[in-house]
Amino acid sequence: MNISTLQEYVEQHNAWGAIFGRKSLSLMIAVDRQTLASQLDSELSPENLTCDGEVRGAQLQAKYRRLTRCVDQLRSIDSSLEFYEA
């Protein structure tokens, strides 16, 4: 099971969170996994995915593929997670 894209996503999420004093999330903690699932859901909403229409074409496709790969990898770790956009 390769989860490198998801691990990179979590590291990036934690790095940005640290700037704002948020606690780091871990893939080992069920509550954190659901928090990450909710975050991915939010990022996959049409408005956020396209940055209100600013992101298009190849950049949009790459962003979508990366986020859906993270969703797939997160589901491979915990199939009980709830997703709405993915």
C-alpha atoms as a PDB file:
ATOM      1  CA  MET A   1       0.000   0.000   0.000  1.00  0.00           C
ATOM      2  CA  ASN A   2       1.602   3.228  -1.198  1.00  0.00           C
ATOM      3  CA  ILE A   3       0.354   6.310   0.634  1.00  0.00           C
ATOM      4  CA  SER A   4       3.116   8.747  -0.286  1.00  0.00           C
ATOM      5  CA  THR A   5       0.750  11.332  -1.799  1.00  0.00           C
ATOM      6  CA  LEU A   6      -1.401  11.259   1.338  1.00  0.00           C
ATOM      7  CA  GLN A   7       1.633  11.521   3.621  1.00  0.00           C
ATOM      8  CA  GLU A   8       2.836  14.539   1.634  1.00  0.00           C
ATOM      9  CA  TYR A   9      -0.651  16.080   1.905  1.00  0.00           C
ATOM     10  CA  VAL A  10      -0.694  15.582   5.695  1.00  0.00           C
ATOM     11  CA  GLU A  11       2.805  17.054   6.070  1.00  0.00           C
ATOM     12  CA  GLN A  12       1.800  20.099   4.020  1.00  0.00           C
ATOM     13  CA  HIS A  13      -1.464  20.462   5.966  1.00  0.00           C
ATOM     14  CA  ASN A  14       0.453  20.262   9.262  1.00  0.00           C
ATOM     15  CA  ALA A  15       3.078  22.768   8.110  1.00  0.00           C
ATOM     16  CA  TRP A  16       0.403  25.338   7.235  1.00  0.00           C
ATOM     17  CA  GLY A  17      -1.473  24.541  10.438  1.00  0.00           C
ATOM     18  CA  ALA A  18       1.645  25.142  12.524  1.00  0.00           C
ATOM     19  CA  ILE A  19       1.808  28.704  11.198  1.00  0.00           C
ATOM     20  CA  PHE A  20      -1.629  29.317  12.684  1.00  0.00           C
ATOM     21  CA  GLY A  21      -1.035  27.361  15.899  1.00  0.00           C
ATOM     22  CA  ARG A  22      -3.185  24.336  14.979  1.00  0.00           C
ATOM     23  CA  LYS A  23      -2.344  20.892  16.296  1.00  0.00           C
ATOM     24  CA  SER A  24      -0.736  18.438  13.903  1.00  0.00           C
ATOM     25  CA  LEU A  25      -2.873  15.661  12.454  1.00  0.00           C
ATOM     26  CA  SER A  26      -1.814  12.026  12.353  1.00  0.00           C
ATOM     27  CA  LEU A  27      -2.882   9.183  10.104  1.00  0.00           C
ATOM     28  CA  MET A  28      -2.648   6.919  13.155  1.00  0.00           C
ATOM     29  CA  ILE A  29      -5.572   8.629  14.950  1.00  0.00           C
ATOM     30  CA  ALA A  30      -9.146   7.895  13.778  1.00  0.00           C
ATOM     31  CA  VAL A  31     -10.472  11.375  14.605  1.00  0.00           C
ATOM     32  CA  ASP A  32      -7.611  12.957  12.670  1.00  0.00           C
ATOM     33  CA  ARG A  33      -8.325  10.696   9.685  1.00  0.00           C
ATOM     34  CA  GLN A  34     -11.941  11.915   9.624  1.00  0.00           C
ATOM     35  CA  THR A  35     -10.711  15.506   9.946  1.00  0.00           C
ATOM     36  CA  LEU A  36      -8.472  14.913   6.921  1.00  0.00           C
ATOM     37  CA  ALA A  37     -11.398  13.322   5.047  1.00  0.00           C
ATOM     38  CA  SER A  38     -13.494  16.409   5.760  1.00  0.00           C
ATOM     39  CA  GLN A  39     -10.650  18.672   4.631  1.00  0.00           C
ATOM     40  CA  LEU A  40     -10.279  16.732   1.387  1.00  0.00           C
ATOM     41  CA  ASP A  41     -14.040  16.919   0.869  1.00  0.00           C
ATOM     42  CA  SER A  42     -13.864  20.671   1.275  1.00  0.00           C
ATOM     43  CA  GLU A  43     -10.977  20.982  -1.172  1.00  0.00           C
ATOM     44  CA  LEU A  44     -12.878  18.879  -3.723  1.00  0.00           C
ATOM     45  CA  SER A  45     -15.953  21.124  -3.702  1.00  0.00           C
ATOM     46  CA  PRO A  46     -16.255  22.843  -7.100  1.00  0.00           C
ATOM     47  CA  GLU A  47     -15.675  26.327  -5.669  1.00  0.00           C
ATOM     48  CA  ASN A  48     -12.538  25.342  -3.785  1.00  0.00           C
ATOM     49  CA  LEU A  49     -11.215  22.992  -6.447  1.00  0.00           C
ATOM     50  CA  THR A  50     -11.314  25.681  -9.112  1.00  0.00           C
ATOM     51  CA  CYS A  51     -10.492  28.556  -6.729  1.00  0.00           C
ATOM     52  CA  ASP A  52     -13.755  30.213  -7.848  1.00  0.00           C
ATOM     53  CA  GLY A  53     -12.909  29.670 -11.508  1.00  0.00           C
ATOM     54  CA  GLU A  54      -9.295  30.855 -11.353  1.00  0.00           C
ATOM     55  CA  VAL A  55      -7.767  27.384 -11.807  1.00  0.00           C
ATOM     56  CA  ARG A  56      -8.436  25.689 -15.146  1.00  0.00           C
ATOM     57  CA  GLY A  57      -7.105  23.173 -17.631  1.00  0.00           C
ATOM     58  CA  ALA A  58      -4.060  21.069 -16.837  1.00  0.00           C
ATOM     59  CA  GLN A  59      -3.526  22.722 -13.453  1.00  0.00           C
ATOM     60  CA  LEU A  60      -7.098  21.873 -12.425  1.00  0.00           C
ATOM     61  CA  GLN A  61      -6.740  18.277 -13.613  1.00  0.00           C
ATOM     62  CA  ALA A  62      -3.466  17.844 -11.698  1.00  0.00           C
ATOM     63  CA  LYS A  63      -5.016  19.284  -8.538  1.00  0.00           C
ATOM     64  CA  TYR A  64      -8.064  17.003  -8.892  1.00  0.00           C
ATOM     65  CA  ARG A  65      -5.904  13.898  -9.476  1.00  0.00           C
ATOM     66  CA  ARG A  66      -3.746  14.680  -6.431  1.00  0.00           C
ATOM     67  CA  LEU A  67      -6.729  15.192  -4.137  1.00  0.00           C
ATOM     68  CA  THR A  68      -8.588  12.103  -5.354  1.00  0.00           C
ATOM     69  CA  ARG A  69      -5.389  10.062  -4.962  1.00  0.00           C
ATOM     70  CA  CYS A  70      -5.256  11.274  -1.341  1.00  0.00           C
ATOM     71  CA  VAL A  71      -8.893  10.232  -0.870  1.00  0.00           C
ATOM     72  CA  ASP A  72      -8.188   6.774  -2.308  1.00  0.00           C
ATOM     73  CA  GLN A  73      -5.121   6.341  -0.108  1.00  0.00           C
ATOM     74  CA  LEU A  74      -6.998   7.522   2.980  1.00  0.00           C
ATOM     75  CA  ARG A  75      -9.825   5.083   2.221  1.00  0.00           C
ATOM     76  CA  SER A  76      -7.260   2.281   1.930  1.00  0.00           C
ATOM     77  CA  ILE A  77      -6.242   3.013   5.522  1.00  0.00           C
ATOM     78  CA  ASP A  78      -9.753   3.489   6.926  1.00  0.00           C
ATOM     79  CA  SER A  79     -12.784   2.398   4.904  1.00  0.00           C
ATOM     80  CA  SER A  80     -15.213   3.728   7.531  1.00  0.00           C
ATOM     81  CA  LEU A  81     -14.511   7.389   6.705  1.00  0.00           C
ATOM     82  CA  GLU A  82     -17.311   9.541   5.355  1.00  0.00           C
ATOM     83  CA  PHE A  83     -16.800  11.527   2.163  1.00  0.00           C
ATOM     84  CA  TYR A  84     -19.384  13.588   0.305  1.00  0.00           C
ATOM     85  CA  GLU A  85     -17.583  15.225  -2.640  1.00  0.00           C
ATOM     86  CA  ALA A  86     -15.255  12.303  -3.362  1.00  0.00           C
END
